């Protein structure tokens, strides 16, 4: 029996579900620490793009993330669908995310 993962229509819906599930992924302190930014688009109901920048010496790089939420089992996780900080440009990350659809 395969599990049915929930699909999302917006990044706001992902954030709300993360909070309800007890995840600290989107907490303001975590976002500040990693200088994270989240793109608004959600791809195929479960992929989104984040970027992180470690201080002024390092460039901003992008990662495609996947939300794994099984409502029936009550499990929630956000994992890297690409390698962490794999992309030097947002356009490259978008191309990868669109390919995941």
C-alpha atoms as a PDB file:
ATOM      1  CA  UNK A   1       0.000   0.000   0.000  1.00  0.00           C
ATOM      2  CA  UNK A   2       1.546   3.312  -1.045  1.00  0.00           C
ATOM      3  CA  UNK A   3       1.043   6.324   1.111  1.00  0.00           C
ATOM      4  CA  UNK A   4      -0.790   9.337  -0.240  1.00  0.00           C
ATOM      5  CA  UNK A   5       1.125  12.571   0.287  1.00  0.00           C
ATOM      6  CA  UNK A   6      -0.865  15.777   0.651  1.00  0.00           C
ATOM      7  CA  UNK A   7      -0.503  18.351  -2.123  1.00  0.00           C
ATOM      8  CA  UNK A   8      -0.362  22.085  -1.464  1.00  0.00           C
ATOM      9  CA  UNK A   9      -1.621  25.072  -3.453  1.00  0.00           C
ATOM     10  CA  UNK A  10       0.581  27.747  -1.884  1.00  0.00           C
ATOM     11  CA  UNK A  11       3.650  28.335   0.212  1.00  0.00           C
ATOM     12  CA  UNK A  12       1.365  29.847   2.874  1.00  0.00           C
ATOM     13  CA  UNK A  13      -0.463  26.527   3.098  1.00  0.00           C
ATOM     14  CA  UNK A  14       2.869  24.702   3.494  1.00  0.00           C
ATOM     15  CA  UNK A  15       3.955  27.114   6.241  1.00  0.00           C
ATOM     16  CA  UNK A  16       0.654  26.713   8.115  1.00  0.00           C
ATOM     17  CA  UNK A  17       0.799  22.915   7.890  1.00  0.00           C
ATOM     18  CA  UNK A  18       4.423  22.909   9.061  1.00  0.00           C
ATOM     19  CA  UNK A  19       3.482  24.970  12.095  1.00  0.00           C
ATOM     20  CA  UNK A  20       0.482  22.753  12.897  1.00  0.00           C
ATOM     21  CA  UNK A  21       2.720  19.668  12.601  1.00  0.00           C
ATOM     22  CA  UNK A  22       5.191  21.145  15.094  1.00  0.00           C
ATOM     23  CA  UNK A  23       7.946  21.798  12.550  1.00  0.00           C
ATOM     24  CA  UNK A  24      10.321  24.682  13.193  1.00  0.00           C
ATOM     25  CA  UNK A  25      11.491  24.800   9.572  1.00  0.00           C
ATOM     26  CA  UNK A  26       9.914  28.212   8.894  1.00  0.00           C
ATOM     27  CA  UNK A  27      10.500  29.767  12.325  1.00  0.00           C
ATOM     28  CA  UNK A  28      11.703  33.361  12.036  1.00  0.00           C
ATOM     29  CA  UNK A  29      14.827  32.617  14.108  1.00  0.00           C
ATOM     30  CA  UNK A  30      15.818  29.762  11.784  1.00  0.00           C
ATOM     31  CA  UNK A  31      15.133  31.839   8.684  1.00  0.00           C
ATOM     32  CA  UNK A  32      17.258  34.692  10.057  1.00  0.00           C
ATOM     33  CA  UNK A  33      20.115  32.427  11.123  1.00  0.00           C
ATOM     34  CA  UNK A  34      20.428  30.868   7.653  1.00  0.00           C
ATOM     35  CA  UNK A  35      19.449  34.114   5.874  1.00  0.00           C
ATOM     36  CA  UNK A  36      16.803  31.986   4.165  1.00  0.00           C
ATOM     37  CA  UNK A  37      14.390  33.185   1.540  1.00  0.00           C
ATOM     38  CA  UNK A  38      11.456  31.180   0.237  1.00  0.00           C
ATOM     39  CA  UNK A  39      10.148  31.571  -3.294  1.00  0.00           C
ATOM     40  CA  UNK A  40       6.347  31.812  -3.622  1.00  0.00           C
ATOM     41  CA  UNK A  41       5.734  29.203  -6.310  1.00  0.00           C
ATOM     42  CA  UNK A  42       4.806  25.615  -5.395  1.00  0.00           C
ATOM     43  CA  UNK A  43       5.561  22.998  -8.038  1.00  0.00           C
ATOM     44  CA  UNK A  44       3.527  19.814  -8.450  1.00  0.00           C
ATOM     45  CA  UNK A  45       1.824  20.421  -5.112  1.00  0.00           C
ATOM     46  CA  UNK A  46       4.862  19.634  -2.975  1.00  0.00           C
ATOM     47  CA  UNK A  47       8.086  21.233  -4.264  1.00  0.00           C
ATOM     48  CA  UNK A  48       9.324  24.729  -3.456  1.00  0.00           C
ATOM     49  CA  UNK A  49      12.589  26.638  -3.642  1.00  0.00           C
ATOM     50  CA  UNK A  50      14.603  28.047  -0.773  1.00  0.00           C
ATOM     51  CA  UNK A  51      17.823  30.012  -0.787  1.00  0.00           C
ATOM     52  CA  UNK A  52      20.382  30.550   1.921  1.00  0.00           C
ATOM     53  CA  UNK A  53      23.336  32.874   2.281  1.00  0.00           C
ATOM     54  CA  UNK A  54      26.000  32.459   4.947  1.00  0.00           C
ATOM     55  CA  UNK A  55      27.213  35.958   5.700  1.00  0.00           C
ATOM     56  CA  UNK A  56      28.512  38.579   3.341  1.00  0.00           C
ATOM     57  CA  UNK A  57      31.446  36.450   2.111  1.00  0.00           C
ATOM     58  CA  UNK A  58      29.346  33.760   0.490  1.00  0.00           C
ATOM     59  CA  UNK A  59      26.916  33.902  -2.445  1.00  0.00           C
ATOM     60  CA  UNK A  60      23.197  33.175  -2.193  1.00  0.00           C
ATOM     61  CA  UNK A  61      22.506  29.647  -3.458  1.00  0.00           C
ATOM     62  CA  UNK A  62      19.221  27.815  -4.102  1.00  0.00           C
ATOM     63  CA  UNK A  63      17.839  24.402  -3.134  1.00  0.00           C
ATOM     64  CA  UNK A  64      14.684  22.644  -4.341  1.00  0.00           C
ATOM     65  CA  UNK A  65      12.760  21.278  -1.353  1.00  0.00           C
ATOM     66  CA  UNK A  66      10.078  18.612  -1.155  1.00  0.00           C
ATOM     67  CA  UNK A  67       7.304  18.555   1.430  1.00  0.00           C
ATOM     68  CA  UNK A  68       6.399  15.070   2.595  1.00  0.00           C
ATOM     69  CA  UNK A  69       3.162  15.282   4.534  1.00  0.00           C
ATOM     70  CA  UNK A  70       1.023  12.224   5.108  1.00  0.00           C
ATOM     71  CA  UNK A  71      -2.078  13.554   6.825  1.00  0.00           C
ATOM     72  CA  UNK A  72      -3.408  10.108   7.731  1.00  0.00           C
ATOM     73  CA  UNK A  73      -0.142   9.016   9.348  1.00  0.00           C
ATOM     74  CA  UNK A  74       0.469  12.469  10.808  1.00  0.00           C
ATOM     75  CA  UNK A  75       4.008  12.698   9.425  1.00  0.00           C
ATOM     76  CA  UNK A  76       5.536  15.931   8.119  1.00  0.00           C
ATOM     77  CA  UNK A  77       9.009  16.533   6.743  1.00  0.00           C
ATOM     78  CA  UNK A  78      10.799  18.894   4.383  1.00  0.00           C
ATOM     79  CA  UNK A  79      13.707  17.322   2.514  1.00  0.00           C
ATOM     80  CA  UNK A  80      16.076  18.449  -0.208  1.00  0.00           C
ATOM     81  CA  UNK A  81      14.862  17.266  -3.626  1.00  0.00           C
ATOM     82  CA  UNK A  82      18.097  18.584  -5.121  1.00  0.00           C
ATOM     83  CA  UNK A  83      21.494  18.700  -3.508  1.00  0.00           C
ATOM     84  CA  UNK A  84      21.711  21.322  -0.783  1.00  0.00           C
ATOM     85  CA  UNK A  85      22.526  24.699  -2.393  1.00  0.00           C
ATOM     86  CA  UNK A  86      22.960  22.995  -5.752  1.00  0.00           C
ATOM     87  CA  UNK A  87      21.967  26.003  -7.855  1.00  0.00           C
ATOM     88  CA  UNK A  88      23.855  29.232  -8.454  1.00  0.00           C
ATOM     89  CA  UNK A  89      20.776  30.887  -9.992  1.00  0.00           C
ATOM     90  CA  UNK A  90      17.080  30.904  -9.229  1.00  0.00           C
ATOM     91  CA  UNK A  91      16.367  30.113 -12.885  1.00  0.00           C
ATOM     92  CA  UNK A  92      18.367  26.864 -12.627  1.00  0.00           C
ATOM     93  CA  UNK A  93      16.449  25.892  -9.483  1.00  0.00           C
ATOM     94  CA  UNK A  94      13.129  26.641 -11.199  1.00  0.00           C
ATOM     95  CA  UNK A  95      14.108  24.508 -14.193  1.00  0.00           C
ATOM     96  CA  UNK A  96      14.914  21.607 -11.862  1.00  0.00           C
ATOM     97  CA  UNK A  97      11.672  22.051  -9.879  1.00  0.00           C
ATOM     98  CA  UNK A  98       9.603  22.133 -13.058  1.00  0.00           C
ATOM     99  CA  UNK A  99      11.292  18.892 -14.113  1.00  0.00           C
ATOM    100  CA  UNK A 100      10.153  17.249 -10.866  1.00  0.00           C
ATOM    101  CA  UNK A 101       6.513  17.786 -11.835  1.00  0.00           C
END
